[in-house]
Amino acid sequence: MTDAIDTIEVRANVIMTTASLKAIVENTKKFSQKDEKGRYRVDTADAVGKMISRFLLEMDFEAFAQDEGNYPPLG
């Protein structure tokens, strides 16, 4: 059993490479079904959000956020 963690959903603008987005779209298509016209029904924005959320949780973004040295000059 895993420990529950307190999370919140935040909407944000994220800068990423076009190659990253292309990889998410291509890989998501591999796991989705085509409709009767042969088109994929993939919510790209949802896939990107899930990928980023997973990355932040698994790569310890909490520790990164707590380190004051990671903050850019504000103001």
Protein backbone atom coordinates (compact mmCIF):
# COMPACT_ATOMS: atom_id res chain seq x y z
CA MET A 1 0.00 0.00 0.00
CA THR A 2 1.37 3.40 -0.92
CA ASP A 3 1.12 6.47 1.28
CA ALA A 4 -1.42 9.02 0.13
CA ILE A 5 0.06 12.41 -0.70
CA ASP A 6 -1.66 15.76 -0.75
CA THR A 7 -1.86 17.11 -4.30
CA ILE A 8 -3.58 19.93 -6.14
CA GLU A 9 -4.19 20.49 -9.85
CA VAL A 10 -2.55 23.65 -11.22
CA ARG A 11 -3.09 24.99 -14.73
CA ALA A 12 0.13 26.48 -16.11
CA ASN A 13 1.86 27.35 -19.34
CA VAL A 14 4.80 25.05 -19.92
CA ILE A 15 7.65 25.48 -22.38
CA MET A 16 8.77 22.20 -23.95
CA THR A 17 10.48 21.16 -27.12
CA THR A 18 8.41 20.23 -30.13
CA ALA A 19 10.21 16.88 -30.08
CA SER A 20 8.81 16.20 -26.59
CA LEU A 21 5.28 16.98 -27.70
CA LYS A 22 5.70 14.88 -30.85
CA ALA A 23 6.91 11.92 -28.75
CA ILE A 24 3.93 12.20 -26.39
CA VAL A 25 1.48 12.30 -29.31
CA GLU A 26 3.14 9.40 -31.15
CA ASN A 27 3.41 7.21 -28.06
CA THR A 28 -0.13 8.00 -26.90
CA LYS A 29 -1.47 6.89 -30.29
CA LYS A 30 0.13 3.48 -29.71
CA PHE A 31 -2.13 2.96 -26.69
CA SER A 32 -5.36 4.42 -28.09
CA GLN A 33 -8.02 3.01 -30.35
CA LYS A 34 -8.94 4.35 -33.78
CA ASP A 35 -12.55 5.35 -34.38
CA GLU A 36 -14.69 3.99 -37.25
CA LYS A 37 -13.12 6.53 -39.66
CA GLY A 38 -9.56 5.51 -38.72
CA ARG A 39 -8.85 8.61 -36.64
CA TYR A 40 -7.32 8.56 -33.20
CA ARG A 41 -9.34 9.99 -30.34
CA VAL A 42 -6.49 11.28 -28.19
CA ASP A 43 -6.70 14.29 -25.89
CA THR A 44 -3.17 15.61 -26.40
CA ALA A 45 -3.47 18.25 -23.68
CA ASP A 46 -4.60 15.62 -21.18
CA ALA A 47 -1.71 13.33 -22.17
CA VAL A 48 0.81 16.16 -21.75
CA GLY A 49 -0.64 17.05 -18.35
CA LYS A 50 -0.47 13.45 -17.15
CA MET A 51 3.11 13.06 -18.38
CA ILE A 52 4.27 16.25 -16.69
CA SER A 53 2.44 15.39 -13.46
CA ARG A 54 3.99 11.93 -13.38
CA PHE A 55 7.43 13.39 -14.04
CA LEU A 56 7.07 15.97 -11.26
CA LEU A 57 5.97 13.38 -8.72
CA GLU A 58 8.55 10.75 -9.66
CA MET A 59 11.50 13.13 -10.03
CA ASP A 60 10.95 14.86 -6.67
CA PHE A 61 9.84 18.30 -7.80
CA GLU A 62 8.95 18.97 -4.16
CA ALA A 63 12.63 18.99 -3.18
CA PHE A 64 13.45 21.15 -6.21
CA ALA A 65 10.74 23.65 -5.21
CA GLN A 66 12.02 23.81 -1.63
CA ASP A 67 15.57 24.72 -2.74
CA GLU A 68 15.74 28.53 -2.81
CA GLY A 69 18.66 28.36 -5.25
CA ASN A 70 16.29 27.16 -7.97
CA TYR A 71 14.25 30.36 -8.01
CA PRO A 72 14.85 32.98 -10.69
CA PRO A 73 15.06 36.64 -9.71
CA LEU A 74 11.45 37.78 -9.20
CA GLY A 75 10.38 41.37 -9.51
